[in-house]
C-alpha atoms as a PDB file:
ATOM      1  CA  MET A   1      43.655 -34.775 130.769  1.00  0.00           C
ATOM      2  CA  VAL A   2      44.524 -36.621 133.969  1.00  0.00           C
ATOM      3  CA  PHE A   3      41.793 -38.623 135.745  1.00  0.00           C
ATOM      4  CA  LYS A   4      42.507 -38.476 139.488  1.00  0.00           C
ATOM      5  CA  ILE A   5      41.405 -41.149 141.982  1.00  0.00           C
ATOM      6  CA  CYS A   6      41.304 -40.743 145.765  1.00  0.00           C
ATOM      7  CA  LEU A   7      40.574 -43.557 148.227  1.00  0.00           C
ATOM      8  CA  VAL A   8      39.034 -43.212 151.690  1.00  0.00           C
ATOM      9  CA  GLY A   9      39.550 -46.015 154.229  1.00  0.00           C
ATOM     10  CA  CYS A  10      42.840 -47.921 154.284  1.00  0.00           C
ATOM     11  CA  GLY A  11      41.783 -51.063 156.175  1.00  0.00           C
ATOM     12  CA  GLY A  12      41.576 -54.719 155.245  1.00  0.00           C
ATOM     13  CA  MET A  13      39.052 -54.462 152.404  1.00  0.00           C
ATOM     14  CA  SER A  14      41.099 -51.768 150.687  1.00  0.00           C
ATOM     15  CA  ASN A  15      44.313 -53.742 151.059  1.00  0.00           C
ATOM     16  CA  TYR A  16      42.674 -56.965 149.877  1.00  0.00           C
ATOM     17  CA  GLY A  17      40.481 -55.699 147.044  1.00  0.00           C
ATOM     18  CA  HIS A  18      40.019 -52.052 146.152  1.00  0.00           C
ATOM     19  CA  GLY A  19      43.628 -50.932 146.451  1.00  0.00           C
ATOM     20  CA  PRO A  20      45.055 -53.577 144.090  1.00  0.00           C
ATOM     21  CA  ALA A  21      42.141 -52.947 141.699  1.00  0.00           C
ATOM     22  CA  CYS A  22      42.957 -49.226 141.565  1.00  0.00           C
ATOM     23  CA  VAL A  23      46.657 -49.991 141.066  1.00  0.00           C
ATOM     24  CA  LYS A  24      45.897 -52.276 138.111  1.00  0.00           C
ATOM     25  CA  TYR A  25      43.499 -49.751 136.588  1.00  0.00           C
ATOM     26  CA  ALA A  26      46.040 -46.936 136.799  1.00  0.00           C
ATOM     27  CA  ALA A  27      48.745 -49.191 135.342  1.00  0.00           C
ATOM     28  CA  SER A  28      46.450 -50.021 132.403  1.00  0.00           C
ATOM     29  CA  ASN A  29      45.428 -46.403 131.722  1.00  0.00           C
ATOM     30  CA  PRO A  30      48.253 -43.866 131.372  1.00  0.00           C
ATOM     31  CA  ASP A  31      45.919 -40.890 131.896  1.00  0.00           C
ATOM     32  CA  VAL A  32      44.849 -42.163 135.350  1.00  0.00           C
ATOM     33  CA  GLU A  33      46.544 -40.970 138.529  1.00  0.00           C
ATOM     34  CA  LEU A  34      46.275 -42.513 141.996  1.00  0.00           C
ATOM     35  CA  SER A  35      46.181 -39.144 143.701  1.00  0.00           C
ATOM     36  CA  ALA A  36      45.883 -39.724 147.468  1.00  0.00           C
ATOM     37  CA  CYS A  37      44.451 -41.941 150.214  1.00  0.00           C
ATOM     38  CA  CYS A  38      42.927 -41.122 153.581  1.00  0.00           C
ATOM     39  CA  ASP A  39      42.280 -42.827 156.923  1.00  0.00           C
ATOM     40  CA  ILE A  40      41.506 -41.411 160.366  1.00  0.00           C
ATOM     41  CA  ILE A  41      44.431 -43.516 161.602  1.00  0.00           C
ATOM     42  CA  GLU A  42      47.230 -41.655 159.877  1.00  0.00           C
ATOM     43  CA  GLU A  43      49.682 -44.552 160.207  1.00  0.00           C
ATOM     44  CA  LYS A  44      47.315 -46.759 158.177  1.00  0.00           C
ATOM     45  CA  ALA A  45      47.063 -44.131 155.464  1.00  0.00           C
ATOM     46  CA  ALA A  46      50.846 -43.760 155.362  1.00  0.00           C
ATOM     47  CA  GLN A  47      51.415 -47.511 155.035  1.00  0.00           C
ATOM     48  CA  PHE A  48      48.700 -47.864 152.380  1.00  0.00           C
ATOM     49  CA  SER A  49      50.195 -44.947 150.461  1.00  0.00           C
ATOM     50  CA  LYS A  50      53.565 -46.672 150.483  1.00  0.00           C
ATOM     51  CA  ASP A  51      52.204 -50.146 149.611  1.00  0.00           C
ATOM     52  CA  MET A  52      49.840 -49.074 146.810  1.00  0.00           C
ATOM     53  CA  GLY A  53      51.691 -46.150 145.306  1.00  0.00           C
ATOM     54  CA  PHE A  54      49.388 -43.280 146.261  1.00  0.00           C
ATOM     55  CA  PRO A  55      51.844 -40.356 146.449  1.00  0.00           C
ATOM     56  CA  ARG A  56      50.043 -38.474 149.227  1.00  0.00           C
ATOM     57  CA  TYR A  57      48.036 -39.429 152.297  1.00  0.00           C
ATOM     58  CA  TYR A  58      45.727 -37.610 154.691  1.00  0.00           C
ATOM     59  CA  ALA A  59      43.924 -38.154 157.989  1.00  0.00           C
ATOM     60  CA  ASP A  60      40.984 -35.864 157.108  1.00  0.00           C
ATOM     61  CA  ILE A  61      38.611 -36.355 154.154  1.00  0.00           C
ATOM     62  CA  ALA A  62      37.829 -32.672 153.663  1.00  0.00           C
ATOM     63  CA  ASP A  63      41.517 -31.743 153.607  1.00  0.00           C
ATOM     64  CA  MET A  64      42.189 -34.406 150.960  1.00  0.00           C
ATOM     65  CA  LEU A  65      39.256 -33.491 148.729  1.00  0.00           C
ATOM     66  CA  HIS A  66      39.994 -29.763 148.941  1.00  0.00           C
ATOM     67  CA  ALA A  67      43.654 -30.269 148.059  1.00  0.00           C
ATOM     68  CA  GLU A  68      43.363 -33.041 145.474  1.00  0.00           C
ATOM     69  CA  LYS A  69      40.046 -32.282 143.728  1.00  0.00           C
ATOM     70  CA  PRO A  70      39.696 -35.881 142.461  1.00  0.00           C
ATOM     71  CA  ASP A  71      37.562 -37.072 139.565  1.00  0.00           C
ATOM     72  CA  ALA A  72      36.489 -40.170 141.535  1.00  0.00           C
ATOM     73  CA  VAL A  73      36.424 -41.160 145.201  1.00  0.00           C
ATOM     74  CA  CYS A  74      36.415 -44.737 146.521  1.00  0.00           C
ATOM     75  CA  LEU A  75      34.897 -45.079 149.998  1.00  0.00           C
ATOM     76  CA  ILE A  76      35.651 -48.263 151.930  1.00  0.00           C
ATOM     77  CA  CYS A  77      34.582 -47.939 155.553  1.00  0.00           C
ATOM     78  CA  PRO A  78      32.531 -49.778 158.221  1.00  0.00           C
ATOM     79  CA  PRO A  79      28.831 -49.974 157.227  1.00  0.00           C
ATOM     80  CA  GLU A  80      27.701 -47.815 160.128  1.00  0.00           C
ATOM     81  CA  LEU A  81      29.834 -44.923 158.791  1.00  0.00           C
ATOM     82  CA  THR A  82      28.934 -45.210 155.103  1.00  0.00           C
ATOM     83  CA  CYS A  83      25.917 -42.884 155.165  1.00  0.00           C
ATOM     84  CA  LYS A  84      27.644 -40.101 157.094  1.00  0.00           C
ATOM     85  CA  LEU A  85      30.828 -40.152 155.044  1.00  0.00           C
ATOM     86  CA  SER A  86      29.028 -40.651 151.707  1.00  0.00           C
ATOM     87  CA  CYS A  87      26.790 -37.642 152.288  1.00  0.00           C
ATOM     88  CA  ARG A  88      29.822 -35.562 153.227  1.00  0.00           C
ATOM     89  CA  ILE A  89      31.604 -36.489 149.975  1.00  0.00           C
ATOM     90  CA  LEU A  90      28.492 -36.216 147.775  1.00  0.00           C
ATOM     91  CA  GLU A  91      27.518 -32.829 149.183  1.00  0.00           C
ATOM     92  CA  LEU A  92      30.902 -31.577 147.967  1.00  0.00           C
ATOM     93  CA  GLY A  93      30.010 -32.865 144.492  1.00  0.00           C
ATOM     94  CA  PHE A  94      32.552 -35.670 144.052  1.00  0.00           C
ATOM     95  CA  PRO A  95      31.645 -38.858 142.122  1.00  0.00           C
ATOM     96  CA  LEU A  96      31.588 -41.726 144.603  1.00  0.00           C
ATOM     97  CA  ILE A  97      31.893 -45.508 144.540  1.00  0.00           C
ATOM     98  CA  MET A  98      31.166 -47.017 147.967  1.00  0.00           C
ATOM     99  CA  GLU A  99      31.316 -50.419 149.596  1.00  0.00           C
ATOM    100  CA  LYS A 100      28.107 -52.253 150.390  1.00  0.00           C
ATOM    101  CA  PRO A 101      25.785 -51.864 152.154  1.00  0.00           C
ATOM    102  CA  PRO A 102      25.051 -48.280 151.097  1.00  0.00           C
ATOM    103  CA  GLY A 103      23.549 -47.396 154.448  1.00  0.00           C
ATOM    104  CA  MET A 104      22.135 -49.575 157.189  1.00  0.00           C
ATOM    105  CA  THR A 105      18.481 -48.564 156.702  1.00  0.00           C
ATOM    106  CA  VAL A 106      16.127 -47.217 154.052  1.00  0.00           C
ATOM    107  CA  GLU A 107      16.285 -43.854 155.806  1.00  0.00           C
ATOM    108  CA  GLU A 108      20.050 -43.780 155.383  1.00  0.00           C
ATOM    109  CA  ILE A 109      20.104 -44.707 151.706  1.00  0.00           C
ATOM    110  CA  ASP A 110      17.354 -42.171 151.026  1.00  0.00           C
ATOM    111  CA  ARG A 111      19.540 -39.527 152.676  1.00  0.00           C
ATOM    112  CA  MET A 112      22.423 -40.565 150.429  1.00  0.00           C
ATOM    113  CA  ILE A 113      20.220 -40.501 147.299  1.00  0.00           C
ATOM    114  CA  ALA A 114      19.066 -37.000 148.225  1.00  0.00           C
ATOM    115  CA  ALA A 115      22.672 -35.829 148.650  1.00  0.00           C
ATOM    116  CA  ALA A 116      23.623 -37.284 145.257  1.00  0.00           C
ATOM    117  CA  ASP A 117      20.592 -35.730 143.573  1.00  0.00           C
ATOM    118  CA  ALA A 118      21.269 -32.304 145.096  1.00  0.00           C
ATOM    119  CA  SER A 119      24.888 -32.238 143.941  1.00  0.00           C
ATOM    120  CA  GLY A 120      24.460 -34.177 140.690  1.00  0.00           C
ATOM    121  CA  ALA A 121      27.394 -36.421 141.653  1.00  0.00           C
ATOM    122  CA  PRO A 122      27.375 -39.915 140.049  1.00  0.00           C
ATOM    123  CA  THR A 123      27.384 -42.910 142.395  1.00  0.00           C
ATOM    124  CA  GLN A 124      27.977 -46.644 142.262  1.00  0.00           C
ATOM    125  CA  VAL A 125      27.569 -49.305 144.965  1.00  0.00           C
ATOM    126  CA  SER A 126      30.222 -52.019 145.216  1.00  0.00           C
ATOM    127  CA  PHE A 127      28.012 -55.104 145.102  1.00  0.00           C
ATOM    128  CA  ASN A 128      31.013 -57.082 143.920  1.00  0.00           C
ATOM    129  CA  ARG A 129      28.938 -60.155 142.954  1.00  0.00           C
ATOM    130  CA  ARG A 130      27.366 -58.117 140.128  1.00  0.00           C
ATOM    131  CA  TYR A 131      30.870 -57.526 138.758  1.00  0.00           C
ATOM    132  CA  MET A 132      32.416 -60.985 139.175  1.00  0.00           C
ATOM    133  CA  PRO A 133      33.407 -62.228 135.709  1.00  0.00           C
ATOM    134  CA  ILE A 134      31.505 -65.495 136.267  1.00  0.00           C
ATOM    135  CA  VAL A 135      28.325 -63.718 137.452  1.00  0.00           C
ATOM    136  CA  LYS A 136      28.520 -61.206 134.596  1.00  0.00           C
ATOM    137  CA  SER A 137      28.807 -64.147 132.197  1.00  0.00           C
ATOM    138  CA  MET A 138      25.718 -65.793 133.718  1.00  0.00           C
ATOM    139  CA  LYS A 139      23.751 -62.533 133.458  1.00  0.00           C
ATOM    140  CA  GLU A 140      24.807 -62.041 129.825  1.00  0.00           C
ATOM    141  CA  LEU A 141      23.794 -65.632 129.043  1.00  0.00           C
ATOM    142  CA  LEU A 142      20.359 -65.067 130.593  1.00  0.00           C
ATOM    143  CA  ASP A 143      19.916 -61.740 128.814  1.00  0.00           C
ATOM    144  CA  ARG A 144      20.743 -63.416 125.516  1.00  0.00           C
ATOM    145  CA  GLU A 145      18.644 -66.552 125.898  1.00  0.00           C
ATOM    146  CA  LEU A 146      15.975 -66.082 128.565  1.00  0.00           C
ATOM    147  CA  PRO A 147      13.728 -63.028 128.990  1.00  0.00           C
ATOM    148  CA  PRO A 148      12.851 -62.353 132.653  1.00  0.00           C
ATOM    149  CA  GLU A 149       9.210 -63.321 132.115  1.00  0.00           C
ATOM    150  CA  ARG A 150      10.293 -66.844 131.086  1.00  0.00           C
ATOM    151  CA  VAL A 151      12.148 -67.472 134.366  1.00  0.00           C
ATOM    152  CA  GLN A 152      10.160 -69.842 136.567  1.00  0.00           C
ATOM    153  CA  HIS A 153      12.243 -69.807 139.755  1.00  0.00           C
ATOM    154  CA  VAL A 154      15.518 -68.435 141.161  1.00  0.00           C
ATOM    155  CA  ARG A 155      17.229 -70.202 144.051  1.00  0.00           C
ATOM    156  CA  TYR A 156      20.187 -68.649 145.883  1.00  0.00           C
ATOM    157  CA  GLU A 157      22.073 -70.256 148.764  1.00  0.00           C
ATOM    158  CA  LEU A 158      24.651 -68.520 150.949  1.00  0.00           C
ATOM    159  CA  SER A 159      26.432 -70.758 153.448  1.00  0.00           C
ATOM    160  CA  ARG A 160      29.230 -69.952 155.878  1.00  0.00           C
ATOM    161  CA  ALA A 161      31.048 -71.705 158.723  1.00  0.00           C
ATOM    162  CA  GLN A 162      31.392 -70.201 162.202  1.00  0.00           C
ATOM    163  CA  ARG A 163      29.747 -66.873 161.343  1.00  0.00           C
ATOM    164  CA  ALA A 164      27.863 -66.036 164.522  1.00  0.00           C
ATOM    165  CA  ASP A 165      28.011 -62.333 163.640  1.00  0.00           C
ATOM    166  CA  ALA A 166      26.173 -59.808 165.764  1.00  0.00           C
ATOM    167  CA  ASP A 167      24.663 -58.545 162.493  1.00  0.00           C
ATOM    168  CA  PHE A 168      24.789 -60.996 159.585  1.00  0.00           C
ATOM    169  CA  SER A 169      22.501 -58.792 157.473  1.00  0.00           C
ATOM    170  CA  THR A 170      25.426 -56.832 156.006  1.00  0.00           C
ATOM    171  CA  THR A 171      26.679 -60.100 154.475  1.00  0.00           C
ATOM    172  CA  ALA A 172      23.187 -61.378 153.629  1.00  0.00           C
ATOM    173  CA  ILE A 173      22.586 -58.341 151.416  1.00  0.00           C
ATOM    174  CA  HIS A 174      24.931 -59.931 148.857  1.00  0.00           C
ATOM    175  CA  ALA A 175      22.521 -62.823 148.272  1.00  0.00           C
ATOM    176  CA  ILE A 176      19.461 -60.558 148.384  1.00  0.00           C
ATOM    177  CA  ASP A 177      20.955 -58.323 145.707  1.00  0.00           C
ATOM    178  CA  THR A 178      22.437 -61.044 143.487  1.00  0.00           C
ATOM    179  CA  ALA A 179      19.202 -63.052 143.317  1.00  0.00           C
ATOM    180  CA  ARG A 180      17.433 -59.868 142.246  1.00  0.00           C
ATOM    181  CA  PHE A 181      20.222 -59.157 139.733  1.00  0.00           C
ATOM    182  CA  LEU A 182      19.883 -62.611 138.148  1.00  0.00           C
ATOM    183  CA  ALA A 183      16.073 -62.502 138.147  1.00  0.00           C
ATOM    184  CA  ARG A 184      16.419 -59.106 136.437  1.00  0.00           C
ATOM    185  CA  SER A 185      13.401 -58.029 138.415  1.00  0.00           C
ATOM    186  CA  ASP A 186      12.589 -56.380 141.734  1.00  0.00           C
ATOM    187  CA  TYR A 187      10.958 -58.363 144.520  1.00  0.00           C
ATOM    188  CA  ARG A 188       7.169 -58.006 144.687  1.00  0.00           C
ATOM    189  CA  SER A 189       6.765 -59.842 147.986  1.00  0.00           C
ATOM    190  CA  VAL A 190       8.845 -61.844 150.472  1.00  0.00           C
ATOM    191  CA  ARG A 191       7.968 -64.122 153.379  1.00  0.00           C
ATOM    192  CA  PHE A 192      10.806 -64.535 155.922  1.00  0.00           C
ATOM    193  CA  ARG A 193      11.316 -67.569 158.174  1.00  0.00           C
ATOM    194  CA  TYR A 194      13.937 -67.810 160.923  1.00  0.00           C
ATOM    195  CA  ARG A 195      15.443 -70.669 162.870  1.00  0.00           C
ATOM    196  CA  GLU A 196      17.266 -69.057 165.772  1.00  0.00           C
ATOM    197  CA  PHE A 197      20.292 -70.595 167.507  1.00  0.00           C
ATOM    198  CA  PRO A 198      20.628 -68.681 170.798  1.00  0.00           C
ATOM    199  CA  GLU A 199      23.004 -71.329 172.152  1.00  0.00           C
ATOM    200  CA  ILE A 200      25.478 -70.286 169.402  1.00  0.00           C
ATOM    201  CA  GLY A 201      24.864 -66.532 169.326  1.00  0.00           C
ATOM    202  CA  THR A 202      22.110 -64.184 170.399  1.00  0.00           C
ATOM    203  CA  THR A 203      21.432 -63.091 166.800  1.00  0.00           C
ATOM    204  CA  THR A 204      22.504 -66.287 164.988  1.00  0.00           C
ATOM    205  CA  ALA A 205      19.883 -67.907 162.772  1.00  0.00           C
ATOM    206  CA  ASN A 206      19.255 -69.776 159.563  1.00  0.00           C
ATOM    207  CA  ILE A 207      17.107 -67.488 157.433  1.00  0.00           C
ATOM    208  CA  PHE A 208      14.818 -68.421 154.558  1.00  0.00           C
ATOM    209  CA  MET A 209      13.206 -65.979 152.128  1.00  0.00           C
ATOM    210  CA  ASP A 210      10.269 -67.193 150.016  1.00  0.00           C
ATOM    211  CA  CYS A 211       9.953 -64.647 147.223  1.00  0.00           C
ATOM    212  CA  VAL A 212       7.837 -63.526 144.293  1.00  0.00           C
ATOM    213  CA  PHE A 213       9.458 -61.223 141.751  1.00  0.00           C
ATOM    214  CA  GLU A 214       7.629 -58.590 139.738  1.00  0.00           C
ATOM    215  CA  SER A 215       8.418 -60.618 136.606  1.00  0.00           C
ATOM    216  CA  GLY A 216       6.206 -63.420 137.973  1.00  0.00           C
ATOM    217  CA  ALA A 217       9.103 -65.739 138.865  1.00  0.00           C
ATOM    218  CA  THR A 218       9.258 -67.223 142.333  1.00  0.00           C
ATOM    219  CA  GLY A 219      12.436 -67.343 144.371  1.00  0.00           C
ATOM    220  CA  SER A 220      14.108 -68.742 147.456  1.00  0.00           C
ATOM    221  CA  VAL A 221      17.078 -67.098 149.169  1.00  0.00           C
ATOM    222  CA  ASP A 222      18.536 -69.156 152.029  1.00  0.00           C
ATOM    223  CA  PHE A 223      21.228 -68.379 154.600  1.00  0.00           C
ATOM    224  CA  CYS A 224      23.054 -70.894 156.825  1.00  0.00           C
ATOM    225  CA  PRO A 225      25.850 -68.929 158.543  1.00  0.00           C
ATOM    226  CA  VAL A 226      27.133 -71.608 160.938  1.00  0.00           C
ATOM    227  CA  SER A 227      27.185 -74.692 158.708  1.00  0.00           C
ATOM    228  CA  GLY A 228      30.208 -76.793 157.789  1.00  0.00           C
ATOM    229  CA  LEU A 229      31.152 -75.164 154.486  1.00  0.00           C
ATOM    230  CA  GLY A 230      31.388 -71.735 152.905  1.00  0.00           C
ATOM    231  CA  PHE A 231      29.812 -71.365 149.462  1.00  0.00           C
ATOM    232  CA  GLU A 232      27.387 -69.369 147.341  1.00  0.00           C
ATOM    233  CA  THR A 233      25.345 -70.887 144.551  1.00  0.00           C
ATOM    234  CA  ALA A 234      22.433 -69.846 142.357  1.00  0.00           C
ATOM    235  CA  VAL A 235      20.120 -71.834 140.096  1.00  0.00           C
ATOM    236  CA  VAL A 236      17.781 -70.296 137.517  1.00  0.00           C
ATOM    237  CA  TYR A 237      14.960 -72.545 136.312  1.00  0.00           C
ATOM    238  CA  ALA A 238      12.954 -72.150 133.094  1.00  0.00           C
ATOM    239  CA  HIS A 239      10.960 -74.454 130.819  1.00  0.00           C
ATOM    240  CA  ASP A 240      13.469 -76.993 129.400  1.00  0.00           C
ATOM    241  CA  HIS A 241      16.424 -74.947 130.753  1.00  0.00           C
ATOM    242  CA  THR A 242      18.436 -74.885 133.998  1.00  0.00           C
ATOM    243  CA  TYR A 243      21.366 -72.572 134.700  1.00  0.00           C
ATOM    244  CA  PHE A 244      23.756 -73.358 137.574  1.00  0.00           C
ATOM    245  CA  LEU A 245      26.072 -70.698 139.010  1.00  0.00           C
ATOM    246  CA  SER A 246      28.802 -71.311 141.577  1.00  0.00           C
ATOM    247  CA  LEU A 247      30.460 -68.139 142.874  1.00  0.00           C
ATOM    248  CA  PRO A 248      34.173 -68.032 143.784  1.00  0.00           C
ATOM    249  CA  THR A 249      33.653 -66.000 146.971  1.00  0.00           C
ATOM    250  CA  PHE A 250      34.240 -68.056 150.141  1.00  0.00           C
ATOM    251  CA  ASN A 251      33.777 -71.168 148.028  1.00  0.00           C
ATOM    252  CA  GLU A 252      35.670 -73.997 149.626  1.00  0.00           C
ATOM    253  CA  TYR A 253      34.738 -76.651 147.066  1.00  0.00           C
ATOM    254  CA  ASP A 254      34.693 -74.618 143.820  1.00  0.00           C
ATOM    255  CA  PRO A 255      37.226 -71.818 144.455  1.00  0.00           C
ATOM    256  CA  THR A 256      37.220 -70.443 140.903  1.00  0.00           C
ATOM    257  CA  GLY A 257      33.457 -70.572 140.305  1.00  0.00           C
ATOM    258  CA  SER A 258      31.559 -71.864 137.293  1.00  0.00           C
ATOM    259  CA  VAL A 259      28.442 -71.566 135.118  1.00  0.00           C
ATOM    260  CA  ARG A 260      26.647 -74.532 133.585  1.00  0.00           C
ATOM    261  CA  HIS A 261      23.648 -74.433 131.254  1.00  0.00           C
ATOM    262  CA  PHE A 262      21.510 -77.521 130.675  1.00  0.00           C
ATOM    263  CA  GLU A 263      18.751 -77.904 128.086  1.00  0.00           C
ATOM    264  CA  VAL A 264      16.478 -80.953 128.446  1.00  0.00           C
ATOM    265  CA  GLY A 265      19.201 -82.900 130.248  1.00  0.00           C
ATOM    266  CA  GLU A 266      22.041 -81.966 127.897  1.00  0.00           C
ATOM    267  CA  LEU A 267      24.994 -79.822 128.998  1.00  0.00           C
ATOM    268  CA  LYS A 268      25.047 -76.939 126.505  1.00  0.00           C
ATOM    269  CA  LEU A 269      27.704 -74.733 128.101  1.00  0.00           C
ATOM    270  CA  ARG A 270      30.271 -74.814 130.907  1.00  0.00           C
ATOM    271  CA  LEU A 271      32.466 -71.852 131.869  1.00  0.00           C
ATOM    272  CA  THR A 272      34.852 -71.196 134.739  1.00  0.00           C
ATOM    273  CA  THR A 273      36.340 -67.920 135.945  1.00  0.00           C
ATOM    274  CA  PRO A 274      39.766 -68.697 134.396  1.00  0.00           C
ATOM    275  CA  ASP A 275      37.981 -68.882 131.034  1.00  0.00           C
ATOM    276  CA  LEU A 276      36.841 -65.284 131.503  1.00  0.00           C
ATOM    277  CA  CYS A 277      39.430 -63.529 133.648  1.00  0.00           C
ATOM    278  CA  ASP A 278      42.973 -62.553 132.628  1.00  0.00           C
ATOM    279  CA  SER A 279      44.217 -62.729 136.220  1.00  0.00           C
ATOM    280  CA  ASP A 280      44.203 -65.413 138.911  1.00  0.00           C
ATOM    281  CA  GLU A 281      44.300 -62.809 141.685  1.00  0.00           C
ATOM    282  CA  ARG A 282      41.366 -63.167 144.069  1.00  0.00           C
ATOM    283  CA  TRP A 283      40.524 -59.464 143.820  1.00  0.00           C
ATOM    284  CA  ALA A 284      40.120 -59.907 140.055  1.00  0.00           C
ATOM    285  CA  MET A 285      38.140 -63.163 140.162  1.00  0.00           C
ATOM    286  CA  THR A 286      35.786 -61.849 142.864  1.00  0.00           C
ATOM    287  CA  GLY A 287      34.790 -58.643 141.112  1.00  0.00           C
ATOM    288  CA  PHE A 288      36.793 -55.949 142.877  1.00  0.00           C
ATOM    289  CA  TYR A 289      38.665 -54.970 139.736  1.00  0.00           C
ATOM    290  CA  ASP A 290      35.640 -54.960 137.438  1.00  0.00           C
ATOM    291  CA  GLU A 291      33.446 -52.905 139.777  1.00  0.00           C
ATOM    292  CA  ASN A 292      36.062 -50.172 140.104  1.00  0.00           C
ATOM    293  CA  ALA A 293      37.011 -50.278 136.417  1.00  0.00           C
ATOM    294  CA  CYS A 294      33.348 -50.064 135.396  1.00  0.00           C
ATOM    295  CA  PHE A 295      32.832 -46.953 137.547  1.00  0.00           C
ATOM    296  CA  PHE A 296      35.981 -45.229 136.326  1.00  0.00           C
ATOM    297  CA  ASP A 297      35.249 -46.132 132.689  1.00  0.00           C
ATOM    298  CA  ASP A 298      31.716 -44.729 132.934  1.00  0.00           C
ATOM    299  CA  LEU A 299      32.940 -41.463 134.439  1.00  0.00           C
ATOM    300  CA  ARG A 300      35.672 -41.050 131.820  1.00  0.00           C
ATOM    301  CA  ALA A 301      33.101 -41.702 129.066  1.00  0.00           C
ATOM    302  CA  GLY A 302      30.610 -39.224 130.550  1.00  0.00           C
ATOM    303  CA  LYS A 303      28.084 -41.981 131.355  1.00  0.00           C
ATOM    304  CA  ARG A 304      25.970 -42.356 134.495  1.00  0.00           C
ATOM    305  CA  PRO A 305      26.851 -45.649 136.246  1.00  0.00           C
ATOM    306  CA  GLU A 306      24.055 -48.242 136.204  1.00  0.00           C
ATOM    307  CA  GLY A 307      24.716 -49.613 139.700  1.00  0.00           C
ATOM    308  CA  ASP A 308      23.859 -46.368 141.468  1.00  0.00           C
ATOM    309  CA  LEU A 309      22.271 -45.776 144.863  1.00  0.00           C
ATOM    310  CA  ARG A 310      18.714 -46.015 143.552  1.00  0.00           C
ATOM    311  CA  SER A 311      19.438 -49.456 142.085  1.00  0.00           C
ATOM    312  CA  ALA A 312      20.481 -50.614 145.577  1.00  0.00           C
ATOM    313  CA  ARG A 313      17.529 -49.259 147.546  1.00  0.00           C
ATOM    314  CA  GLN A 314      15.327 -52.385 147.586  1.00  0.00           C
ATOM    315  CA  SER A 315      18.279 -54.574 148.590  1.00  0.00           C
ATOM    316  CA  VAL A 316      18.943 -52.291 151.568  1.00  0.00           C
ATOM    317  CA  GLU A 317      15.245 -52.344 152.500  1.00  0.00           C
ATOM    318  CA  LEU A 318      15.158 -56.157 152.572  1.00  0.00           C
ATOM    319  CA  MET A 319      18.443 -56.268 154.505  1.00  0.00           C
ATOM    320  CA  GLN A 320      16.778 -54.066 157.118  1.00  0.00           C
ATOM    321  CA  TYR A 321      13.712 -56.337 157.219  1.00  0.00           C
ATOM    322  CA  LEU A 322      15.969 -59.335 157.800  1.00  0.00           C
ATOM    323  CA  ARG A 323      17.952 -57.607 160.557  1.00  0.00           C
ATOM    324  CA  GLU A 324      14.751 -56.566 162.321  1.00  0.00           C
ATOM    325  CA  ARG A 325      13.370 -60.117 161.988  1.00  0.00           C
ATOM    326  CA  ARG A 326      10.273 -59.007 160.140  1.00  0.00           C
ATOM    327  CA  THR A 327       8.214 -61.717 158.482  1.00  0.00           C
ATOM    328  CA  VAL A 328       6.390 -60.126 155.530  1.00  0.00           C
ATOM    329  CA  TYR A 329       7.505 -57.689 152.862  1.00  0.00           C
ATOM    330  CA  GLU A 330       5.195 -56.236 150.220  1.00  0.00           C
ATOM    331  CA  LYS A 331       6.503 -53.727 147.712  1.00  0.00           C
ATOM    332  CA  ASP A 332       4.688 -50.407 147.903  1.00  0.00           C
END
């Protein structure tokens, strides 16, 4: 039985990441068909169809879904449109994987959760850090060796150069979510501190989150968007153990990423993405392939995806707190 995939949104992120991931998945699975793609700018859809091998293209989502009846839909659109378009797709009952953030506010993600619940359609959020081979390896190492209650502290740093975005929160959500993913625990409380730089941009700031997780671990999540170097790193501290993670995304000094585990001063393990990944393509090393493959595999196996909308709700809530420059978060 053929498994049909449709893709909505034929812009840069689809061309860079999701499109090539879908192409590789279809090439690796003979029962999978890249059915059609869609974009409100029909010329974009036509070019994407030609470049990626989707045989048909549309300018209207409803027309595509009615005609193609796909088994999975990939939605890659600007964050401010994600809620509206997701609800439209979910209300029609189609399984949906969507780019982050899944909504700009708690109200939006709750609307999306309600639409998914009403239709029964499975969902997955494309937090690509969760699916990077190097991050997955770090998580598996922690699961194997370090229960969440033994973690003392999680530190995550996200640095960029020349990122005076009007709204940096939609990038910051990556660090918020990945720190939570590595802690394997929700946040219990967060104190936010901001150092604003109005001379650079009206909403530009270094942001510091002092956190306590429900597991009892403490955490720090720090953002410096206009520094001199792009990188993301995480450190997990426990008694006698330290785990270092360097992510390959926007990493100008460690472009492939690595994991190192130390026990009482001795290096016990070192891994790099090439040790784990069968491709040197950026879309493979940075998680785009694995997140799509995981969703499609779960659907084909009749499983509910783990990274669904509910799993993303707290990350969206803290993103909203950060955007609104709130200072204290306490979990209800």
